[in-house]
Amino acid sequence: MMIVVDIDVMLARRKMSVAEFAEAVGITPANVAVLKNGRAKAVRFTTLDAVCRVLDCQPGDVLRWVPDEEHAHVSAAP
């Protein structure tokens, strides 16, 4: 299973820079990069709340689940 973070998509739609976003959310630009690159192990609900508030979106607009190949093969089996 893989969780994909689409913050970069939302930032582009909002025409917002990483620096502006980081400051508005209250996290460092380095932590934004960790989120954007999928290296985050966890996200606090308070951070997710701030992300959604700043981007005026729902959690599903910035997070999505993509099955890995192994899971997809098991699901597709008859």
PDB file of N, CA and C in Angstrom:
ATOM      1  N   MET A   1       0.845  -1.173   0.000  1.00  0.00           N
ATOM      2  CA  MET A   1       0.000   0.000   0.000  1.00  0.00           C
ATOM      3  C   MET A   1       0.890   1.235   0.000  1.00  0.00           C
ATOM      4  N   MET A   2       0.396   2.253  -0.657  1.00  0.00           N
ATOM      5  CA  MET A   2       1.172   3.472  -0.735  1.00  0.00           C
ATOM      6  C   MET A   2       0.237   4.675  -0.614  1.00  0.00           C
ATOM      7  N   ILE A   3       0.582   5.573   0.269  1.00  0.00           N
ATOM      8  CA  ILE A   3      -0.157   6.825   0.398  1.00  0.00           C
ATOM      9  C   ILE A   3       0.612   7.885  -0.380  1.00  0.00           C
ATOM     10  N   VAL A   4      -0.060   8.537  -1.301  1.00  0.00           N
ATOM     11  CA  VAL A   4       0.552   9.583  -2.117  1.00  0.00           C
ATOM     12  C   VAL A   4       0.073  10.939  -1.602  1.00  0.00           C
ATOM     13  N   VAL A   5       1.007  11.860  -1.448  1.00  0.00           N
ATOM     14  CA  VAL A   5       0.695  13.210  -0.973  1.00  0.00           C
ATOM     15  C   VAL A   5       0.725  14.145  -2.175  1.00  0.00           C
ATOM     16  N   ASP A   6      -0.411  14.781  -2.439  1.00  0.00           N
ATOM     17  CA  ASP A   6      -0.546  15.667  -3.597  1.00  0.00           C
ATOM     18  C   ASP A   6      -0.501  17.142  -3.223  1.00  0.00           C
ATOM     19  N   ILE A   7       0.318  17.489  -2.249  1.00  0.00           N
ATOM     20  CA  ILE A   7       0.418  18.889  -1.844  1.00  0.00           C
ATOM     21  C   ILE A   7       0.928  19.750  -2.994  1.00  0.00           C
ATOM     22  N   ASP A   8       1.870  19.234  -3.777  1.00  0.00           N
ATOM     23  CA  ASP A   8       2.404  20.026  -4.882  1.00  0.00           C
ATOM     24  C   ASP A   8       1.317  20.388  -5.894  1.00  0.00           C
ATOM     25  N   VAL A   9       0.379  19.484  -6.123  1.00  0.00           N
ATOM     26  CA  VAL A   9      -0.735  19.749  -7.030  1.00  0.00           C
ATOM     27  C   VAL A   9      -1.590  20.889  -6.483  1.00  0.00           C
ATOM     28  N   MET A  10      -1.890  20.803  -5.192  1.00  0.00           N
ATOM     29  CA  MET A  10      -2.730  21.839  -4.571  1.00  0.00           C
ATOM     30  C   MET A  10      -2.007  23.182  -4.521  1.00  0.00           C
ATOM     31  N   LEU A  11      -0.704  23.161  -4.262  1.00  0.00           N
ATOM     32  CA  LEU A  11       0.058  24.419  -4.256  1.00  0.00           C
ATOM     33  C   LEU A  11       0.031  25.062  -5.642  1.00  0.00           C
ATOM     34  N   ALA A  12       0.162  24.265  -6.675  1.00  0.00           N
ATOM     35  CA  ALA A  12       0.112  24.804  -8.040  1.00  0.00           C
ATOM     36  C   ALA A  12      -1.264  25.390  -8.335  1.00  0.00           C
ATOM     37  N   ARG A  13      -2.314  24.697  -7.921  1.00  0.00           N
ATOM     38  CA  ARG A  13      -3.677  25.211  -8.145  1.00  0.00           C
ATOM     39  C   ARG A  13      -3.911  26.525  -7.407  1.00  0.00           C
ATOM     40  N   ARG A  14      -3.308  26.646  -6.237  1.00  0.00           N
ATOM     41  CA  ARG A  14      -3.499  27.857  -5.422  1.00  0.00           C
ATOM     42  C   ARG A  14      -2.454  28.935  -5.735  1.00  0.00           C
ATOM     43  N   LYS A  15      -1.514  28.593  -6.644  1.00  0.00           N
ATOM     44  CA  LYS A  15      -0.422  29.505  -6.991  1.00  0.00           C
ATOM     45  C   LYS A  15       0.300  29.989  -5.731  1.00  0.00           C
ATOM     46  N   MET A  16       0.643  29.021  -4.886  1.00  0.00           N
ATOM     47  CA  MET A  16       1.283  29.294  -3.607  1.00  0.00           C
ATOM     48  C   MET A  16       2.660  28.651  -3.587  1.00  0.00           C
ATOM     49  N   SER A  17       3.641  29.364  -3.086  1.00  0.00           N
ATOM     50  CA  SER A  17       4.993  28.808  -2.990  1.00  0.00           C
ATOM     51  C   SER A  17       5.108  27.914  -1.756  1.00  0.00           C
ATOM     52  N   VAL A  18       6.115  27.079  -1.771  1.00  0.00           N
ATOM     53  CA  VAL A  18       6.385  26.212  -0.616  1.00  0.00           C
ATOM     54  C   VAL A  18       6.645  27.061   0.618  1.00  0.00           C
ATOM     55  N   ALA A  19       7.399  28.142   0.462  1.00  0.00           N
ATOM     56  CA  ALA A  19       7.714  29.006   1.604  1.00  0.00           C
ATOM     57  C   ALA A  19       6.445  29.641   2.184  1.00  0.00           C
ATOM     58  N   GLU A  20       5.574  30.137   1.319  1.00  0.00           N
ATOM     59  CA  GLU A  20       4.305  30.730   1.791  1.00  0.00           C
ATOM     60  C   GLU A  20       3.465  29.683   2.502  1.00  0.00           C
ATOM     61  N   PHE A  21       3.392  28.507   1.900  1.00  0.00           N
ATOM     62  CA  PHE A  21       2.609  27.416   2.472  1.00  0.00           C
ATOM     63  C   PHE A  21       3.154  26.995   3.835  1.00  0.00           C
ATOM     64  N   ALA A  22       4.465  26.804   3.902  1.00  0.00           N
ATOM     65  CA  ALA A  22       5.094  26.380   5.156  1.00  0.00           C
ATOM     66  C   ALA A  22       4.824  27.382   6.271  1.00  0.00           C
ATOM     67  N   GLU A  23       4.974  28.657   5.960  1.00  0.00           N
ATOM     68  CA  GLU A  23       4.737  29.684   6.972  1.00  0.00           C
ATOM     69  C   GLU A  23       3.276  29.696   7.419  1.00  0.00           C
ATOM     70  N   ALA A  24       2.351  29.579   6.469  1.00  0.00           N
ATOM     71  CA  ALA A  24       0.926  29.607   6.803  1.00  0.00           C
ATOM     72  C   ALA A  24       0.504  28.390   7.627  1.00  0.00           C
ATOM     73  N   VAL A  25       1.099  27.234   7.339  1.00  0.00           N
ATOM     74  CA  VAL A  25       0.762  26.007   8.065  1.00  0.00           C
ATOM     75  C   VAL A  25       1.468  25.949   9.416  1.00  0.00           C
ATOM     76  N   GLY A  26       2.669  26.542   9.473  1.00  0.00           N
ATOM     77  CA  GLY A  26       3.428  26.516  10.714  1.00  0.00           C
ATOM     78  C   GLY A  26       4.422  25.376  10.766  1.00  0.00           C
ATOM     79  N   ILE A  27       4.916  24.947   9.601  1.00  0.00           N
ATOM     80  CA  ILE A  27       5.952  23.925   9.536  1.00  0.00           C
ATOM     81  C   ILE A  27       7.109  24.465   8.700  1.00  0.00           C
ATOM     82  N   THR A  28       8.235  23.794   8.754  1.00  0.00           N
ATOM     83  CA  THR A  28       9.402  24.265   8.006  1.00  0.00           C
ATOM     84  C   THR A  28       9.290  23.848   6.541  1.00  0.00           C
ATOM     85  N   PRO A  29       9.938  24.602   5.658  1.00  0.00           N
ATOM     86  CA  PRO A  29       9.972  24.174   4.248  1.00  0.00           C
ATOM     87  C   PRO A  29      10.573  22.777   4.092  1.00  0.00           C
ATOM     88  N   ALA A  30      11.515  22.419   4.948  1.00  0.00           N
ATOM     89  CA  ALA A  30      12.094  21.066   4.898  1.00  0.00           C
ATOM     90  C   ALA A  30      11.029  20.007   5.185  1.00  0.00           C
ATOM     91  N   ASN A  31      10.152  20.271   6.136  1.00  0.00           N
ATOM     92  CA  ASN A  31       9.083  19.315   6.436  1.00  0.00           C
ATOM     93  C   ASN A  31       8.043  19.270   5.316  1.00  0.00           C
ATOM     94  N   VAL A  32       7.831  20.383   4.636  1.00  0.00           N
ATOM     95  CA  VAL A  32       6.954  20.362   3.459  1.00  0.00           C
ATOM     96  C   VAL A  32       7.559  19.435   2.407  1.00  0.00           C
ATOM     97  N   ALA A  33       8.871  19.528   2.209  1.00  0.00           N
ATOM     98  CA  ALA A  33       9.550  18.661   1.245  1.00  0.00           C
ATOM     99  C   ALA A  33       9.407  17.194   1.630  1.00  0.00           C
ATOM    100  N   VAL A  34       9.510  16.887   2.917  1.00  0.00           N
ATOM    101  CA  VAL A  34       9.339  15.510   3.392  1.00  0.00           C
ATOM    102  C   VAL A  34       7.934  15.011   3.044  1.00  0.00           C
ATOM    103  N   LEU A  35       6.935  15.852   3.241  1.00  0.00           N
ATOM    104  CA  LEU A  35       5.558  15.480   2.895  1.00  0.00           C
ATOM    105  C   LEU A  35       5.409  15.290   1.389  1.00  0.00           C
ATOM    106  N   LYS A  36       5.894  16.272   0.632  1.00  0.00           N
ATOM    107  CA  LYS A  36       5.737  16.231  -0.825  1.00  0.00           C
ATOM    108  C   LYS A  36       6.434  15.040  -1.455  1.00  0.00           C
ATOM    109  N   ASN A  37       7.564  14.643  -0.907  1.00  0.00           N
ATOM    110  CA  ASN A  37       8.343  13.550  -1.477  1.00  0.00           C
ATOM    111  C   ASN A  37       7.936  12.172  -0.955  1.00  0.00           C
ATOM    112  N   GLY A  38       6.905  12.129  -0.119  1.00  0.00           N
ATOM    113  CA  GLY A  38       6.411  10.853   0.376  1.00  0.00           C
ATOM    114  C   GLY A  38       7.305  10.183   1.397  1.00  0.00           C
ATOM    115  N   ARG A  39       8.162  10.941   2.057  1.00  0.00           N
ATOM    116  CA  ARG A  39       9.068  10.356   3.045  1.00  0.00           C
ATOM    117  C   ARG A  39       8.531  10.451   4.469  1.00  0.00           C
ATOM    118  N   ALA A  40       7.377  11.092   4.649  1.00  0.00           N
ATOM    119  CA  ALA A  40       6.813  11.237   5.998  1.00  0.00           C
ATOM    120  C   ALA A  40       6.298   9.886   6.489  1.00  0.00           C
ATOM    121  N   LYS A  41       6.572   9.585   7.732  1.00  0.00           N
ATOM    122  CA  LYS A  41       6.087   8.344   8.353  1.00  0.00           C
ATOM    123  C   LYS A  41       4.703   8.544   8.959  1.00  0.00           C
ATOM    124  N   ALA A  42       4.388   9.802   9.305  1.00  0.00           N
ATOM    125  CA  ALA A  42       3.109  10.122   9.938  1.00  0.00           C
ATOM    126  C   ALA A  42       2.816  11.610   9.740  1.00  0.00           C
ATOM    127  N   VAL A  43       1.550  11.947   9.891  1.00  0.00           N
ATOM    128  CA  VAL A  43       1.131  13.348   9.841  1.00  0.00           C
ATOM    129  C   VAL A  43       0.165  13.558  10.996  1.00  0.00           C
ATOM    130  N   ARG A  44       0.433  14.539  11.814  1.00  0.00           N
ATOM    131  CA  ARG A  44      -0.474  14.846  12.929  1.00  0.00           C
ATOM    132  C   ARG A  44      -1.775  15.413  12.370  1.00  0.00           C
ATOM    133  N   PHE A  45      -2.866  15.118  13.056  1.00  0.00           N
ATOM    134  CA  PHE A  45      -4.152  15.663  12.631  1.00  0.00           C
ATOM    135  C   PHE A  45      -4.153  17.185  12.702  1.00  0.00           C
ATOM    136  N   THR A  46      -3.429  17.754  13.649  1.00  0.00           N
ATOM    137  CA  THR A  46      -3.375  19.220  13.722  1.00  0.00           C
ATOM    138  C   THR A  46      -2.670  19.789  12.493  1.00  0.00           C
ATOM    139  N   THR A  47      -1.648  19.086  12.009  1.00  0.00           N
ATOM    140  CA  THR A  47      -0.961  19.522  10.794  1.00  0.00           C
ATOM    141  C   THR A  47      -1.867  19.346   9.587  1.00  0.00           C
ATOM    142  N   LEU A  48      -2.542  18.214   9.489  1.00  0.00           N
ATOM    143  CA  LEU A  48      -3.468  17.976   8.382  1.00  0.00           C
ATOM    144  C   LEU A  48      -4.589  19.013   8.395  1.00  0.00           C
ATOM    145  N   ASP A  49      -5.074  19.356   9.568  1.00  0.00           N
ATOM    146  CA  ASP A  49      -6.096  20.393   9.702  1.00  0.00           C
ATOM    147  C   ASP A  49      -5.575  21.723   9.159  1.00  0.00           C
ATOM    148  N   ALA A  50      -4.350  22.081   9.525  1.00  0.00           N
ATOM    149  CA  ALA A  50      -3.761  23.340   9.055  1.00  0.00           C
ATOM    150  C   ALA A  50      -3.545  23.317   7.545  1.00  0.00           C
ATOM    151  N   VAL A  51      -3.095  22.188   7.005  1.00  0.00           N
ATOM    152  CA  VAL A  51      -2.903  22.050   5.558  1.00  0.00           C
ATOM    153  C   VAL A  51      -4.230  22.289   4.841  1.00  0.00           C
ATOM    154  N   CYS A  52      -5.283  21.643   5.324  1.00  0.00           N
ATOM    155  CA  CYS A  52      -6.598  21.786   4.691  1.00  0.00           C
ATOM    156  C   CYS A  52      -7.143  23.203   4.838  1.00  0.00           C
ATOM    157  N   ARG A  53      -6.901  23.818   5.977  1.00  0.00           N
ATOM    158  CA  ARG A  53      -7.352  25.199   6.186  1.00  0.00           C
ATOM    159  C   ARG A  53      -6.645  26.139   5.226  1.00  0.00           C
ATOM    160  N   VAL A  54      -5.328  26.013   5.123  1.00  0.00           N
ATOM    161  CA  VAL A  54      -4.534  26.907   4.273  1.00  0.00           C
ATOM    162  C   VAL A  54      -4.870  26.697   2.798  1.00  0.00           C
ATOM    163  N   LEU A  55      -5.044  25.449   2.390  1.00  0.00           N
ATOM    164  CA  LEU A  55      -5.321  25.156   0.980  1.00  0.00           C
ATOM    165  C   LEU A  55      -6.816  25.160   0.659  1.00  0.00           C
ATOM    166  N   ASP A  56      -7.652  25.341   1.682  1.00  0.00           N
ATOM    167  CA  ASP A  56      -9.108  25.328   1.515  1.00  0.00           C
ATOM    168  C   ASP A  56      -9.542  24.066   0.771  1.00  0.00           C
ATOM    169  N   CYS A  57      -9.188  22.919   1.368  1.00  0.00           N
ATOM    170  CA  CYS A  57      -9.471  21.643   0.719  1.00  0.00           C
ATOM    171  C   CYS A  57      -9.834  20.592   1.758  1.00  0.00           C
ATOM    172  N   GLN A  58     -10.156  19.416   1.282  1.00  0.00           N
ATOM    173  CA  GLN A  58     -10.443  18.260   2.122  1.00  0.00           C
ATOM    174  C   GLN A  58      -9.200  17.378   2.209  1.00  0.00           C
ATOM    175  N   PRO A  59      -9.072  16.545   3.252  1.00  0.00           N
ATOM    176  CA  PRO A  59      -7.908  15.654   3.354  1.00  0.00           C
ATOM    177  C   PRO A  59      -7.707  14.792   2.100  1.00  0.00           C
ATOM    178  N   GLY A  60      -8.783  14.359   1.494  1.00  0.00           N
ATOM    179  CA  GLY A  60      -8.681  13.545   0.289  1.00  0.00           C
ATOM    180  C   GLY A  60      -8.140  14.290  -0.916  1.00  0.00           C
ATOM    181  N   ASP A  61      -8.087  15.609  -0.833  1.00  0.00           N
ATOM    182  CA  ASP A  61      -7.500  16.394  -1.917  1.00  0.00           C
ATOM    183  C   ASP A  61      -5.976  16.371  -1.862  1.00  0.00           C
ATOM    184  N   VAL A  62      -5.419  16.082  -0.694  1.00  0.00           N
ATOM    185  CA  VAL A  62      -3.958  16.068  -0.547  1.00  0.00           C
ATOM    186  C   VAL A  62      -3.389  14.675  -0.264  1.00  0.00           C
ATOM    187  N   LEU A  63      -4.245  13.735   0.120  1.00  0.00           N
ATOM    188  CA  LEU A  63      -3.808  12.367   0.407  1.00  0.00           C
ATOM    189  C   LEU A  63      -4.633  11.385  -0.406  1.00  0.00           C
ATOM    190  N   ARG A  64      -3.959  10.416  -1.012  1.00  0.00           N
ATOM    191  CA  ARG A  64      -4.686   9.360  -1.719  1.00  0.00           C
ATOM    192  C   ARG A  64      -3.925   8.045  -1.593  1.00  0.00           C
ATOM    193  N   TRP A  65      -4.679   6.964  -1.604  1.00  0.00           N
ATOM    194  CA  TRP A  65      -4.109   5.633  -1.484  1.00  0.00           C
ATOM    195  C   TRP A  65      -3.975   5.017  -2.869  1.00  0.00           C
ATOM    196  N   VAL A  66      -2.806   4.442  -3.141  1.00  0.00           N
ATOM    197  CA  VAL A  66      -2.542   3.752  -4.398  1.00  0.00           C
ATOM    198  C   VAL A  66      -2.061   2.356  -4.033  1.00  0.00           C
ATOM    199  N   PRO A  67      -2.743   1.330  -4.529  1.00  0.00           N
ATOM    200  CA  PRO A  67      -2.294  -0.028  -4.195  1.00  0.00           C
ATOM    201  C   PRO A  67      -0.947  -0.320  -4.837  1.00  0.00           C
ATOM    202  N   ASP A  68      -0.114  -1.057  -4.107  1.00  0.00           N
ATOM    203  CA  ASP A  68       1.152  -1.475  -4.707  1.00  0.00           C
ATOM    204  C   ASP A  68       0.877  -2.653  -5.636  1.00  0.00           C
ATOM    205  N   GLU A  69       1.863  -3.050  -6.417  1.00  0.00           N
ATOM    206  CA  GLU A  69       1.659  -4.107  -7.411  1.00  0.00           C
ATOM    207  C   GLU A  69       1.258  -5.433  -6.772  1.00  0.00           C
ATOM    208  N   GLU A  70       1.885  -5.764  -5.638  1.00  0.00           N
ATOM    209  CA  GLU A  70       1.580  -7.029  -4.984  1.00  0.00           C
ATOM    210  C   GLU A  70       0.125  -7.064  -4.564  1.00  0.00           C
ATOM    211  N   HIS A  71      -0.376  -5.981  -3.983  1.00  0.00           N
ATOM    212  CA  HIS A  71      -1.756  -5.901  -3.544  1.00  0.00           C
ATOM    213  C   HIS A  71      -2.705  -5.945  -4.741  1.00  0.00           C
ATOM    214  N   ALA A  72      -2.351  -5.269  -5.814  1.00  0.00           N
ATOM    215  CA  ALA A  72      -3.190  -5.246  -7.010  1.00  0.00           C
ATOM    216  C   ALA A  72      -3.318  -6.652  -7.606  1.00  0.00           C
ATOM    217  N   HIS A  73      -2.225  -7.425  -7.594  1.00  0.00           N
ATOM    218  CA  HIS A  73      -2.283  -8.784  -8.134  1.00  0.00           C
ATOM    219  C   HIS A  73      -3.154  -9.682  -7.271  1.00  0.00           C
ATOM    220  N   VAL A  74      -3.078  -9.532  -5.970  1.00  0.00           N
ATOM    221  CA  VAL A  74      -3.905 -10.341  -5.072  1.00  0.00           C
ATOM    222  C   VAL A  74      -5.367  -9.971  -5.252  1.00  0.00           C
ATOM    223  N   SER A  75      -5.659  -8.677  -5.380  1.00  0.00           N
ATOM    224  CA  SER A  75      -7.038  -8.226  -5.549  1.00  0.00           C
ATOM    225  C   SER A  75      -7.613  -8.674  -6.888  1.00  0.00           C
ATOM    226  N   ALA A  76      -6.780  -8.796  -7.913  1.00  0.00           N
ATOM    227  CA  ALA A  76      -7.254  -9.142  -9.238  1.00  0.00           C
ATOM    228  C   ALA A  76      -7.412 -10.652  -9.441  1.00  0.00           C
ATOM    229  N   ALA A  77      -6.887 -11.432  -8.489  1.00  0.00           N
ATOM    230  CA  ALA A  77      -6.945 -12.886  -8.633  1.00  0.00           C
ATOM    231  C   ALA A  77      -8.396 -13.358  -8.558  1.00  0.00           C
ATOM    232  N   PRO A  78      -8.759 -14.393  -9.360  1.00  0.00           N
ATOM    233  CA  PRO A  78     -10.154 -14.901  -9.351  1.00  0.00           C
ATOM    234  C   PRO A  78     -10.502 -15.612  -8.071  1.00  0.00           C
TER     235      PRO A  78
END
